Amino acid sequence: MSRHIRWQAILALLGLLLIVALLSYVTYSYTTEYVPARGGVFVEGVAGNPQYINPLLCQYNPVDQDLCALVFNGLLKFDEHGNLQPDLAESWEASPASDVFTFTLRADARWHDGLRISADDVIYTVNLMQDPDLQVLPDLATLWRSVIAEAVDERTVVFRLSEPYAPFPDYTTIRWFGVIPKHYWQRYTPREMPKAMLNTQPIGSGPFRVTELDSQHIRLEPNLRALDTVPYLDALEFRFYPDYASILAAAEVGDVQGVSRVLPELLPQAEADPNLQLFTSPLSDITFLVLNVDTANAPFLQDVQVRQALAHAIDKQRLVDTILPGVGMVANSPLLPNSWAYDPDIATPDYDPTQAQNLLDEAGWVDSDGDGIRDQNGVDLEFVLLSDDAPHSQLISRSISDDLAKIGVRAVPQPVSFTGLVTDFLVPRNFSAALVNWEMIGDPDPYPLWHSTQESPTGQNYSGWNNRQADLAMEQARRTSDMAQRLQLYREFQTLFADDVPAIPLTYGLYTYAVSTQVKDVQVGMLNMAADRFQTFSKWYMLTRQVTLSERRTLQFDKLPK
């Protein structure tokens, strides 16, 4: 009897287990969830129209720069930390003296038409960069004219420099050097190139290819040869607008899903739109208050105590927190904080109005007539503060002016056009103080901006700073590939800069990007240039589909063979 009961219990337990298993199987097989689906076109508004989708000619137009970065490749590229990575080249090496650089091209590198990219294409591009008949940026042309390029074989290129220059590999990235196909362009002379149809019907090698272009839009479709995974979205489309305010208005009514850049003055409007998601990322640029340290306009700026006082008087934190939130992060060095050469321990002038006033007292600048402005020998401590006429630049100028007024310095804001600021004031050094923004992509080499030989009008050292110790540090750092030695030299440079104050670093740039909430899984990291906002484009999606849990387990990105 007890044995019969035991078998009944065992059979009941087995039945129960079977039922549980069947229910689990049904649940696993038929319970569903939504996952990304392929399809859809991401439409972004950009300010302006393309002229040259040609990496040799795109440096003057932000829309061209974006398109060139998507359609073409350099030999190398920057990752989100500003470090060099392979692009068309699979590897590269420098000679011990940093004057010979050898690049090996990827065996699978191909143009959009399927033909293989060879060393001849690289040499052809270099020759064009060196040709005086092609309007390449002057600084780039000067650099490349000092290089002898040689194709060792179909995949190997050697660059021999006229003198050691450790940062040279940076100039082989798409920001400065995009390889173009010889078999299409060789039919044109350098003088004919700017008028060629290929500038708007480009054949490149990058992650996108141009399939449509008219006065209103451009359509870019993924180049699967250049991608590791198949994107969910079918295409990326740029629509052209006259300005950023117009783009934001288009986003609010659903005409575009992306706003290429949200300017600081438009940020409150964008934040108020519940259908937009905002992404703010560091940019590779720095805004300075450049002081003309050798000028008859304001001879008191030759006094380092006066310059240090100005640096102590400016409340940068208030500037980025309340005057213009979203415009940037507080800057304390002429080098970017994500750079390997940046030294966070440099003793830079902090916000200290009391110390600022003490320094001016020591320098002999006092308010002798009680008008609120310090003076010395009948000369008031005042100067014109130049900026471009962008709204956020004018707000920065007024904030600085207010801060300086508190210590008895009159700085009179004067906005001018960006072109006028450069050509009429900075280049001829016809100014006392000016807001200047510099792009600092890649290697931290400060030589072009601060070495004494780069004084305007031939260079960009608009301050006229001449410090022999700093010059030596910059010279030695660009002549060696020893990273430990370069790091020590750049620490020395930053210390000298902080002590001498030829310019006051104000903010590190921030880039705010707006995307419709309809677009999912958008991620934006550190931007070396604006086009880097599309680095994770393959993961973005707009459509979804319903799958079972069992199907979901097998889903993954479609890997593409290389």
Protein backbone atom coordinates (compact mmCIF):
# COMPACT_ATOMS: atom_id res chain seq x y z
CA MET A 1 0.00 0.00 0.00
CA SER A 2 2.72 2.53 0.98
CA ARG A 3 4.71 1.58 -2.18
CA HIS A 4 1.62 2.34 -4.34
CA ILE A 5 1.23 5.76 -2.72
CA ARG A 6 4.94 6.51 -3.28
CA TRP A 7 4.62 5.84 -7.03
CA GLN A 8 1.56 8.09 -7.22
CA ALA A 9 3.52 10.89 -5.53
CA ILE A 10 6.44 10.46 -7.92
CA LEU A 11 4.18 10.52 -10.94
CA ALA A 12 2.38 13.62 -9.64
CA LEU A 13 5.72 15.39 -9.12
CA LEU A 14 6.92 14.46 -12.62
CA GLY A 15 3.65 15.75 -14.07
CA LEU A 16 4.04 19.00 -12.20
CA LEU A 17 7.60 19.41 -13.47
CA LEU A 18 6.44 18.70 -17.00
CA ILE A 19 3.72 21.33 -16.75
CA VAL A 20 6.25 23.89 -15.40
CA ALA A 21 8.63 23.06 -18.25
CA LEU A 22 5.86 23.41 -20.84
CA LEU A 23 4.72 26.73 -19.37
CA SER A 24 8.34 28.00 -19.35
CA TYR A 25 8.78 26.94 -22.97
CA VAL A 26 5.56 28.65 -24.02
CA THR A 27 6.51 31.80 -22.12
CA TYR A 28 10.00 31.81 -23.65
CA SER A 29 8.72 31.07 -27.15
CA TYR A 30 5.76 33.42 -27.26
CA THR A 31 6.50 36.31 -24.84
CA THR A 32 7.59 39.22 -26.99
CA GLU A 33 9.47 42.49 -26.73
CA TYR A 34 10.36 45.33 -29.08
CA VAL A 35 13.85 45.55 -30.57
CA PRO A 36 15.49 47.90 -33.10
CA ALA A 37 14.45 47.38 -36.71
CA ARG A 38 16.13 48.46 -39.90
CA GLY A 39 14.78 51.34 -41.91
CA GLY A 40 14.29 55.09 -41.77
CA VAL A 41 16.29 58.13 -42.75
CA PHE A 42 17.83 60.47 -40.19
CA VAL A 43 17.38 64.08 -41.36
CA GLU A 44 19.59 66.75 -39.83
CA GLY A 45 19.51 70.48 -40.42
CA VAL A 46 22.83 72.22 -41.08
CA ALA A 47 23.62 75.90 -41.44
CA GLY A 48 24.89 76.71 -44.93
CA ASN A 49 25.43 74.83 -48.17
CA PRO A 50 28.24 72.61 -49.42
CA GLN A 51 30.70 73.94 -51.97
CA TYR A 52 33.60 71.51 -52.01
CA ILE A 53 33.10 67.93 -50.83
CA ASN A 54 36.81 67.62 -51.39
CA PRO A 55 39.23 67.23 -48.45
CA LEU A 56 41.80 69.46 -50.14
CA LEU A 57 39.37 72.38 -50.38
CA CYS A 58 36.89 71.90 -47.51
CA GLN A 59 38.74 73.73 -44.74
CA TYR A 60 36.86 77.01 -45.08
CA ASN A 61 33.26 75.76 -44.77
CA PRO A 62 31.86 73.82 -41.74
CA VAL A 63 29.31 71.97 -43.90
CA ASP A 64 32.08 70.90 -46.28
CA GLN A 65 34.19 69.77 -43.31
CA ASP A 66 31.38 67.57 -42.00
CA LEU A 67 30.80 66.00 -45.41
CA CYS A 68 34.47 65.41 -46.13
CA ALA A 69 34.89 63.64 -42.78
CA LEU A 70 31.99 61.32 -43.64
CA VAL A 71 32.87 60.66 -47.29
CA PHE A 72 36.70 60.49 -47.19
CA ASN A 73 39.47 59.10 -44.99
CA GLY A 74 42.89 60.18 -43.85
CA LEU A 75 45.79 57.84 -43.30
CA LEU A 76 45.12 58.07 -39.56
CA LYS A 77 42.22 59.23 -37.39
CA PHE A 78 41.69 60.44 -33.84
CA ASP A 79 39.75 58.49 -31.24
CA GLU A 80 37.56 60.29 -28.71
CA HIS A 81 40.59 60.88 -26.46
CA GLY A 82 42.55 62.56 -29.22
CA ASN A 83 44.86 59.58 -29.72
CA LEU A 84 45.87 58.50 -33.21
CA GLN A 85 44.37 55.32 -34.63
CA PRO A 86 44.67 53.54 -38.01
CA ASP A 87 42.38 54.67 -40.82
CA LEU A 88 43.49 54.03 -44.42
CA ALA A 89 46.87 53.10 -42.96
CA GLU A 90 46.95 49.94 -40.86
CA SER A 91 50.25 50.96 -39.21
CA TRP A 92 52.88 53.69 -39.11
CA GLU A 93 56.26 54.31 -37.55
CA ALA A 94 58.60 57.24 -36.98
CA SER A 95 62.37 57.35 -37.24
CA PRO A 96 64.29 58.01 -34.01
CA ALA A 97 64.91 61.59 -35.18
CA SER A 98 61.20 62.17 -36.00
CA ASP A 99 62.03 63.25 -39.54
CA VAL A 100 61.02 60.13 -41.50
CA PHE A 101 57.56 58.54 -41.21
CA THR A 102 56.50 55.29 -42.86
CA PHE A 103 52.85 54.33 -43.41
CA THR A 104 51.49 50.96 -44.54
CA LEU A 105 48.05 51.02 -46.18
CA ARG A 106 45.35 48.50 -45.36
CA ALA A 107 45.11 45.71 -47.91
CA ASP A 108 41.30 46.01 -47.95
CA ALA A 109 41.12 49.80 -48.41
CA ARG A 110 38.89 50.59 -51.40
CA TRP A 111 37.18 53.54 -53.04
CA HIS A 112 33.41 53.73 -53.26
CA ASP A 113 33.64 52.41 -56.84
CA GLY A 114 35.34 49.26 -55.58
CA LEU A 115 38.87 49.95 -56.85
CA ARG A 116 41.76 49.46 -54.44
CA ILE A 117 43.38 52.47 -52.74
CA SER A 118 47.12 52.51 -53.41
CA ALA A 119 50.22 54.43 -52.47
CA ASP A 120 49.90 56.27 -55.81
CA ASP A 121 46.68 57.87 -54.56
CA VAL A 122 48.50 59.10 -51.46
CA ILE A 123 51.43 60.51 -53.45
CA TYR A 124 49.03 62.18 -55.89
CA THR A 125 47.20 63.86 -52.99
CA VAL A 126 50.47 65.07 -51.46
CA ASN A 127 51.58 66.55 -54.78
CA LEU A 128 48.33 68.51 -54.98
CA MET A 129 48.76 69.79 -51.41
CA GLN A 130 52.16 71.10 -52.48
CA ASP A 131 51.01 72.71 -55.74
CA PRO A 132 50.92 76.54 -55.61
CA ASP A 133 48.03 76.58 -58.10
CA LEU A 134 45.67 74.93 -55.60
CA GLN A 135 44.22 77.13 -52.85
CA VAL A 136 45.07 74.92 -49.88
CA LEU A 137 45.21 76.53 -46.42
CA PRO A 138 48.54 78.42 -46.33
CA ASP A 139 49.80 76.73 -43.14
CA LEU A 140 49.02 73.28 -44.54
CA ALA A 141 50.64 74.08 -47.86
CA THR A 142 53.79 75.26 -46.07
CA LEU A 143 53.97 72.06 -44.05
CA TRP A 144 53.48 69.72 -47.01
CA ARG A 145 55.93 71.61 -49.21
CA SER A 146 58.62 70.68 -46.71
CA VAL A 147 57.87 66.96 -47.20
CA ILE A 148 59.26 64.54 -49.75
CA ALA A 149 56.79 61.69 -50.30
CA GLU A 150 57.80 58.37 -51.88
CA ALA A 151 55.82 55.23 -52.70
CA VAL A 152 57.98 52.24 -51.78
CA ASP A 153 55.39 49.78 -53.12
CA GLU A 154 51.63 49.67 -53.64
CA ARG A 155 50.93 49.81 -49.91
CA THR A 156 53.88 51.65 -48.40
CA VAL A 157 54.48 55.40 -48.33
CA VAL A 158 57.47 57.18 -46.79
CA PHE A 159 57.44 60.88 -45.83
CA ARG A 160 60.83 62.58 -45.38
CA LEU A 161 60.67 65.91 -43.55
CA SER A 162 63.13 68.76 -43.95
CA GLU A 163 63.52 68.85 -40.15
CA PRO A 164 62.31 66.79 -37.19
CA TYR A 165 58.63 67.28 -36.37
CA ALA A 166 57.09 64.80 -33.92
CA PRO A 167 53.46 65.96 -34.44
CA PHE A 168 53.57 65.23 -38.18
CA PRO A 169 51.26 62.14 -38.05
CA ASP A 170 48.42 64.40 -36.85
CA TYR A 171 48.47 66.07 -40.24
CA THR A 172 47.65 62.81 -41.99
CA THR A 173 44.15 62.71 -40.41
CA ILE A 174 41.01 63.68 -42.33
CA ARG A 175 40.89 67.05 -40.55
CA TRP A 176 43.96 68.12 -42.50
CA PHE A 177 44.65 65.48 -45.14
CA GLY A 178 42.06 63.37 -46.92
CA VAL A 179 43.23 61.04 -49.67
CA ILE A 180 41.46 61.51 -53.03
CA PRO A 181 41.27 59.02 -55.96
CA LYS A 182 43.90 59.69 -58.60
CA HIS A 183 41.97 57.85 -61.32
CA TYR A 184 39.14 60.41 -61.13
CA TRP A 185 41.03 63.62 -60.42
CA GLN A 186 44.08 63.28 -62.67
CA ARG A 187 42.06 64.59 -65.64
CA TYR A 188 41.98 68.05 -63.97
CA THR A 189 44.80 70.52 -63.47
CA PRO A 190 45.11 72.08 -59.99
CA ARG A 191 43.63 75.32 -61.37
CA GLU A 192 40.63 73.42 -62.73
CA MET A 193 39.92 71.44 -59.57
CA PRO A 194 37.72 74.02 -57.76
CA LYS A 195 35.28 74.01 -60.72
CA ALA A 196 35.15 70.23 -61.17
CA MET A 197 31.82 68.40 -60.85
CA LEU A 198 33.59 65.88 -58.61
CA ASN A 199 33.44 68.44 -55.80
CA THR A 200 29.70 67.80 -55.54
CA GLN A 201 29.67 64.25 -56.90
CA PRO A 202 32.55 62.85 -54.86
CA ILE A 203 34.03 59.38 -54.95
CA GLY A 204 35.58 58.74 -51.57
CA SER A 205 36.41 55.85 -49.28
CA GLY A 206 34.67 56.85 -46.05
CA PRO A 207 31.69 55.41 -44.14
CA PHE A 208 29.15 57.27 -46.33
CA ARG A 209 28.72 57.88 -50.05
CA VAL A 210 26.78 60.71 -51.67
CA THR A 211 23.70 59.50 -53.57
CA GLU A 212 21.70 62.74 -53.98
CA LEU A 213 22.51 66.44 -53.88
CA ASP A 214 20.52 69.54 -54.75
CA SER A 215 20.14 73.06 -53.38
CA GLN A 216 17.93 71.84 -50.53
CA HIS A 217 19.52 68.64 -49.29
CA ILE A 218 22.17 65.95 -49.60
CA ARG A 219 21.59 62.21 -49.03
CA LEU A 220 24.37 60.00 -47.70
CA GLU A 221 24.04 56.22 -47.66
CA PRO A 222 26.26 53.86 -45.65
CA ASN A 223 29.32 52.47 -47.40
CA LEU A 224 29.24 48.93 -46.08
CA ARG A 225 32.85 48.29 -47.10
CA ALA A 226 34.00 50.85 -44.53
CA LEU A 227 31.77 49.71 -41.66
CA ASP A 228 32.00 46.89 -39.14
CA THR A 229 28.22 46.55 -38.74
CA VAL A 230 25.16 47.25 -40.87
CA PRO A 231 23.47 50.45 -39.61
CA TYR A 232 19.82 50.28 -38.67
CA LEU A 233 19.12 53.52 -40.56
CA ASP A 234 19.03 53.50 -44.35
CA ALA A 235 20.57 56.93 -44.84
CA LEU A 236 21.71 60.21 -43.35
CA GLU A 237 20.32 63.37 -44.93
CA PHE A 238 21.44 66.97 -44.42
CA ARG A 239 18.95 69.74 -45.15
CA PHE A 240 20.36 73.19 -45.69
CA TYR A 241 19.17 76.22 -43.67
CA PRO A 242 20.40 79.83 -43.52
CA ASP A 243 21.19 79.74 -39.77
CA TYR A 244 20.93 77.66 -36.60
CA ALA A 245 17.77 79.40 -35.39
CA SER A 246 16.00 78.24 -38.56
CA ILE A 247 17.15 74.67 -37.94
CA LEU A 248 15.78 74.69 -34.40
CA ALA A 249 12.45 76.02 -35.69
CA ALA A 250 12.37 73.19 -38.25
CA ALA A 251 13.03 70.64 -35.51
CA GLU A 252 10.16 71.99 -33.43
CA VAL A 253 7.67 71.25 -36.24
CA GLY A 254 9.24 67.88 -37.08
CA ASP A 255 10.85 68.76 -40.41
CA VAL A 256 14.25 67.52 -39.19
CA GLN A 257 15.27 65.03 -36.52
CA GLY A 258 18.64 66.60 -35.77
CA VAL A 259 19.99 70.09 -35.10
CA SER A 260 23.66 70.10 -36.13
CA ARG A 261 24.57 72.53 -33.36
CA VAL A 262 22.62 74.34 -30.65
CA LEU A 263 24.30 77.69 -30.07
CA PRO A 264 24.45 78.92 -26.46
CA GLU A 265 21.86 81.65 -27.08
CA LEU A 266 19.43 79.00 -28.42
CA LEU A 267 19.96 76.53 -25.59
CA PRO A 268 16.97 77.61 -23.43
CA GLN A 269 14.66 77.22 -26.44
CA ALA A 270 16.02 73.75 -27.20
CA GLU A 271 15.80 72.65 -23.55
CA ALA A 272 12.13 73.67 -23.48
CA ASP A 273 11.23 71.32 -26.34
CA PRO A 274 10.13 67.96 -24.86
CA ASN A 275 10.65 66.26 -28.22
CA LEU A 276 14.38 66.96 -28.30
CA GLN A 277 17.16 65.15 -26.49
CA LEU A 278 20.33 67.21 -25.98
CA PHE A 279 23.89 65.93 -25.95
CA THR A 280 26.68 68.16 -24.69
CA SER A 281 30.25 67.10 -25.39
CA PRO A 282 33.69 68.65 -24.98
CA LEU A 283 35.16 70.14 -28.14
CA SER A 284 38.83 70.47 -28.98
CA ASP A 285 39.00 74.23 -28.67
CA ILE A 286 39.88 76.94 -26.16
CA THR A 287 38.65 80.52 -25.87
CA PHE A 288 41.31 82.98 -24.68
CA LEU A 289 41.40 86.62 -23.73
CA VAL A 290 44.53 87.40 -25.75
CA LEU A 291 46.59 90.32 -24.41
CA ASN A 292 48.84 92.26 -26.76
CA VAL A 293 51.97 92.29 -24.60
CA ASP A 294 53.97 94.53 -26.91
CA THR A 295 51.75 97.36 -28.09
CA ALA A 296 51.55 101.11 -28.08
CA ASN A 297 47.77 100.85 -27.73
CA ALA A 298 48.01 99.72 -24.11
CA PRO A 299 51.64 99.79 -22.95
CA PHE A 300 50.59 98.80 -19.42
CA LEU A 301 49.94 95.27 -20.74
CA GLN A 302 53.71 94.87 -20.99
CA ASP A 303 53.71 94.74 -17.18
CA VAL A 304 53.30 91.13 -16.02
CA GLN A 305 51.74 92.28 -12.73
CA VAL A 306 48.95 93.99 -14.65
CA ARG A 307 48.34 90.89 -16.74
CA GLN A 308 48.29 88.70 -13.62
CA ALA A 309 45.83 91.11 -12.00
CA LEU A 310 43.48 90.83 -14.97
CA ALA A 311 43.64 87.04 -14.75
CA HIS A 312 42.79 87.08 -11.04
CA ALA A 313 39.85 89.45 -11.61
CA ILE A 314 37.84 87.36 -14.08
CA ASP A 315 35.25 85.05 -12.52
CA LYS A 316 35.31 82.21 -15.07
CA GLN A 317 33.09 79.96 -12.98
CA ARG A 318 30.31 82.56 -12.92
CA LEU A 319 30.81 82.99 -16.64
CA VAL A 320 30.10 79.33 -17.45
CA ASP A 321 27.50 78.77 -14.69
CA THR A 322 25.25 81.80 -14.98
CA ILE A 323 26.23 84.10 -17.83
CA LEU A 324 26.37 81.45 -20.53
CA PRO A 325 25.59 77.95 -19.26
CA GLY A 326 26.44 75.40 -21.91
CA VAL A 327 29.11 77.52 -23.59
CA GLY A 328 32.07 75.75 -22.04
CA MET A 329 34.04 74.53 -19.05
CA VAL A 330 36.44 76.66 -17.04
CA ALA A 331 39.89 76.67 -18.67
CA ASN A 332 43.13 76.96 -16.73
CA SER A 333 45.75 76.00 -19.29
CA PRO A 334 46.63 76.69 -22.95
CA LEU A 335 46.36 72.90 -23.45
CA LEU A 336 43.19 70.81 -23.46
CA PRO A 337 42.34 68.87 -20.28
CA ASN A 338 41.98 65.58 -22.17
CA SER A 339 45.46 65.90 -23.67
CA TRP A 340 48.28 63.67 -22.44
CA ALA A 341 50.38 66.85 -22.05
CA TYR A 342 47.92 68.67 -19.79
CA ASP A 343 49.19 69.31 -16.26
CA PRO A 344 46.35 69.80 -13.73
CA ASP A 345 48.82 70.82 -11.02
CA ILE A 346 50.04 74.01 -12.71
CA ALA A 347 49.49 76.98 -10.38
CA THR A 348 47.36 79.19 -12.61
CA PRO A 349 45.87 82.53 -11.47
CA ASP A 350 42.53 81.76 -9.79
CA TYR A 351 39.63 84.11 -9.19
CA ASP A 352 40.82 86.45 -6.43
CA PRO A 353 39.75 90.13 -6.78
CA THR A 354 41.66 91.08 -3.63
CA GLN A 355 44.90 89.69 -5.04
CA ALA A 356 44.15 91.48 -8.32
CA GLN A 357 43.81 94.81 -6.55
CA ASN A 358 47.00 94.21 -4.53
CA LEU A 359 48.95 93.53 -7.72
CA LEU A 360 47.70 96.73 -9.33
CA ASP A 361 48.57 98.69 -6.19
CA GLU A 362 52.11 97.25 -6.29
CA ALA A 363 52.38 98.16 -9.98
CA GLY A 364 51.50 101.79 -9.18
CA TRP A 365 47.97 101.84 -10.57
CA VAL A 366 45.65 103.67 -8.16
CA ASP A 367 42.44 105.66 -8.47
CA SER A 368 43.92 109.08 -7.80
CA ASP A 369 40.89 111.14 -8.88
CA GLY A 370 38.11 109.01 -7.42
CA ASP A 371 36.38 108.27 -10.75
CA GLY A 372 36.49 104.50 -10.22
CA ILE A 373 39.23 103.94 -12.81
CA ARG A 374 42.83 103.39 -11.76
CA ASP A 375 45.41 105.64 -13.31
CA GLN A 376 49.13 106.29 -13.37
CA ASN A 377 50.90 109.46 -14.49
CA GLY A 378 47.67 110.83 -15.95
CA VAL A 379 46.90 107.66 -17.95
CA ASP A 380 43.77 105.68 -17.14
CA LEU A 381 43.91 101.89 -16.92
CA GLU A 382 41.53 101.24 -19.78
CA PHE A 383 41.47 99.43 -23.11
CA VAL A 384 39.11 98.21 -25.85
CA LEU A 385 38.04 94.58 -25.54
CA LEU A 386 37.43 93.14 -29.01
CA SER A 387 35.30 90.13 -29.86
CA ASP A 388 33.42 88.77 -32.84
CA ASP A 389 29.77 89.76 -33.07
CA ALA A 390 28.25 86.37 -32.12
CA PRO A 391 25.74 86.85 -29.25
CA HIS A 392 27.60 84.55 -26.86
CA SER A 393 30.92 86.32 -27.56
CA GLN A 394 29.32 89.65 -26.71
CA LEU A 395 27.95 88.24 -23.45
CA ILE A 396 31.42 86.98 -22.50
CA SER A 397 32.93 90.39 -23.24
CA ARG A 398 30.37 92.18 -21.10
CA SER A 399 30.91 89.75 -18.24
CA ILE A 400 34.68 90.31 -18.37
CA SER A 401 34.14 94.07 -18.53
CA ASP A 402 31.95 93.92 -15.40
CA ASP A 403 34.54 91.87 -13.51
CA LEU A 404 37.39 94.22 -14.41
CA ALA A 405 35.37 97.28 -13.44
CA LYS A 406 35.25 95.93 -9.88
CA ILE A 407 39.04 96.28 -9.59
CA GLY A 408 39.19 99.71 -11.25
CA VAL A 409 39.94 98.65 -14.85
CA ARG A 410 37.82 99.91 -17.72
CA ALA A 411 37.49 97.38 -20.57
CA VAL A 412 35.22 98.67 -23.32
CA PRO A 413 33.56 95.82 -25.28
CA GLN A 414 33.66 96.27 -29.06
CA PRO A 415 32.11 93.56 -31.24
CA VAL A 416 33.18 93.28 -34.88
CA SER A 417 32.63 90.70 -37.60
CA PHE A 418 34.74 87.56 -37.31
CA THR A 419 36.52 88.36 -40.57
CA GLY A 420 37.15 91.91 -39.44
CA LEU A 421 38.49 90.75 -36.09
CA VAL A 422 41.11 88.61 -37.80
CA THR A 423 42.10 90.77 -40.77
CA ASP A 424 41.76 94.28 -39.30
CA PHE A 425 42.90 93.71 -35.73
CA LEU A 426 44.57 90.39 -34.91
CA VAL A 427 46.80 89.96 -37.96
CA PRO A 428 48.15 93.54 -37.94
CA ARG A 429 48.21 93.39 -34.10
CA ASN A 430 46.12 96.51 -33.95
CA PHE A 431 44.45 95.70 -30.64
CA SER A 432 44.96 95.63 -26.88
CA ALA A 433 42.82 92.66 -25.83
CA ALA A 434 40.60 90.31 -27.83
CA LEU A 435 38.51 87.19 -27.38
CA VAL A 436 39.99 84.49 -29.62
CA ASN A 437 38.89 80.88 -30.06
CA TRP A 438 41.43 78.32 -31.24
CA GLU A 439 40.86 74.76 -32.41
CA MET A 440 43.33 72.39 -30.73
CA ILE A 441 42.87 69.05 -32.49
CA GLY A 442 45.33 66.24 -31.88
CA ASP A 443 48.92 66.82 -30.80
CA PRO A 444 49.19 69.54 -28.13
CA ASP A 445 52.05 71.31 -29.95
CA PRO A 446 51.60 75.01 -28.96
CA TYR A 447 54.36 76.27 -31.27
CA PRO A 448 52.09 77.82 -33.96
CA LEU A 449 50.25 79.93 -31.38
CA TRP A 450 52.86 80.96 -28.83
CA HIS A 451 56.40 80.70 -30.24
CA SER A 452 58.06 84.08 -30.78
CA THR A 453 58.76 83.31 -34.44
CA GLN A 454 55.02 82.99 -35.02
CA GLU A 455 54.22 86.61 -34.22
CA SER A 456 51.61 88.21 -36.44
CA PRO A 457 51.35 89.11 -39.32
CA THR A 458 53.08 85.91 -40.50
CA GLY A 459 51.87 83.66 -37.67
CA GLN A 460 49.14 83.29 -35.05
CA ASN A 461 51.06 84.49 -32.00
CA TYR A 462 48.82 87.58 -31.86
CA SER A 463 49.89 88.42 -28.31
CA GLY A 464 53.49 88.99 -29.42
CA TRP A 465 54.71 86.83 -26.52
CA ASN A 466 58.45 86.36 -26.54
CA ASN A 467 59.78 84.12 -23.79
CA ARG A 468 63.08 82.42 -24.56
CA GLN A 469 62.58 79.58 -22.06
CA ALA A 470 59.13 78.84 -23.45
CA ASP A 471 60.50 78.99 -27.00
CA LEU A 472 63.18 76.40 -26.17
CA ALA A 473 60.64 74.09 -24.52
CA MET A 474 58.34 74.24 -27.56
CA GLU A 475 61.24 73.75 -30.00
CA GLN A 476 62.61 70.71 -28.20
CA ALA A 477 59.18 69.14 -27.71
CA ARG A 478 58.39 69.08 -31.41
CA ARG A 479 61.81 67.65 -32.29
CA THR A 480 61.63 64.50 -30.16
CA SER A 481 59.35 61.48 -30.21
CA ASP A 482 60.24 60.61 -26.59
CA MET A 483 56.84 61.06 -24.90
CA ALA A 484 58.26 61.35 -21.38
CA GLN A 485 60.58 64.13 -22.52
CA ARG A 486 57.80 65.89 -24.40
CA LEU A 487 55.55 65.70 -21.34
CA GLN A 488 58.20 67.35 -19.16
CA LEU A 489 58.80 70.09 -21.73
CA TYR A 490 55.08 70.85 -22.02
CA ARG A 491 54.78 71.03 -18.24
CA GLU A 492 57.53 73.62 -18.30
CA PHE A 493 55.73 75.51 -21.05
CA GLN A 494 52.46 75.56 -19.10
CA THR A 495 54.22 76.88 -15.99
CA LEU A 496 55.89 79.68 -17.94
CA PHE A 497 52.60 80.55 -19.64
CA ALA A 498 50.75 80.72 -16.31
CA ASP A 499 53.45 82.97 -14.82
CA ASP A 500 53.74 85.30 -17.80
CA VAL A 501 50.04 85.47 -18.79
CA PRO A 502 50.31 86.42 -22.50
CA ALA A 503 46.65 85.37 -22.65
CA ILE A 504 44.00 84.30 -20.18
CA PRO A 505 42.44 80.87 -20.89
CA LEU A 506 38.70 81.31 -20.31
CA THR A 507 36.75 78.25 -21.44
CA TYR A 508 37.17 74.87 -23.04
CA GLY A 509 34.54 74.51 -25.73
CA LEU A 510 31.36 72.49 -25.45
CA TYR A 511 29.26 71.28 -28.36
CA THR A 512 25.51 70.83 -27.86
CA TYR A 513 23.74 68.56 -30.30
CA ALA A 514 19.97 68.09 -30.47
CA VAL A 515 18.23 64.95 -31.71
CA SER A 516 14.55 64.05 -31.82
CA THR A 517 13.36 61.66 -29.13
CA GLN A 518 12.14 59.48 -32.03
CA VAL A 519 15.77 58.49 -32.62
CA LYS A 520 17.03 55.92 -30.10
CA ASP A 521 20.42 54.84 -28.76
CA VAL A 522 22.19 58.06 -29.77
CA GLN A 523 25.53 58.45 -28.02
CA VAL A 524 27.91 61.38 -28.45
CA GLY A 525 31.37 61.32 -26.88
CA MET A 526 34.36 63.67 -27.00
CA LEU A 527 34.44 65.51 -30.33
CA ASN A 528 37.73 66.21 -32.05
CA MET A 529 35.65 67.82 -34.79
CA ALA A 530 31.93 68.32 -35.27
CA ALA A 531 31.49 65.34 -37.65
CA ASP A 532 32.47 63.00 -34.80
CA ARG A 533 28.85 63.29 -33.60
CA PHE A 534 28.13 60.46 -36.05
CA GLN A 535 30.72 58.05 -34.63
CA THR A 536 28.01 55.72 -33.26
CA PHE A 537 25.56 56.21 -36.15
CA SER A 538 25.43 52.44 -36.84
CA LYS A 539 23.60 51.92 -33.53
CA TRP A 540 20.98 54.64 -33.98
CA TYR A 541 17.47 53.49 -34.85
CA MET A 542 13.98 54.92 -35.39
CA LEU A 543 11.88 51.81 -36.04
CA THR A 544 11.22 48.77 -33.85
CA ARG A 545 9.83 45.27 -34.38
CA GLN A 546 8.32 42.68 -32.07
CA VAL A 547 10.25 39.46 -31.41
CA THR A 548 9.99 36.57 -28.99
CA LEU A 549 12.50 36.03 -26.22
CA SER A 550 13.92 33.05 -28.10
CA GLU A 551 14.44 35.19 -31.21
CA ARG A 552 15.89 38.01 -29.12
CA ARG A 553 18.62 35.71 -27.84
CA THR A 554 20.00 35.23 -31.33
CA LEU A 555 19.89 38.87 -32.40
CA GLN A 556 23.14 40.74 -32.89
CA PHE A 557 24.62 43.35 -35.18
CA ASP A 558 25.21 42.01 -38.65
CA LYS A 559 28.94 41.65 -38.95
CA LEU A 560 30.40 42.60 -42.26
CA PRO A 561 33.28 40.60 -43.75
CA LYS A 562 36.44 42.54 -44.38
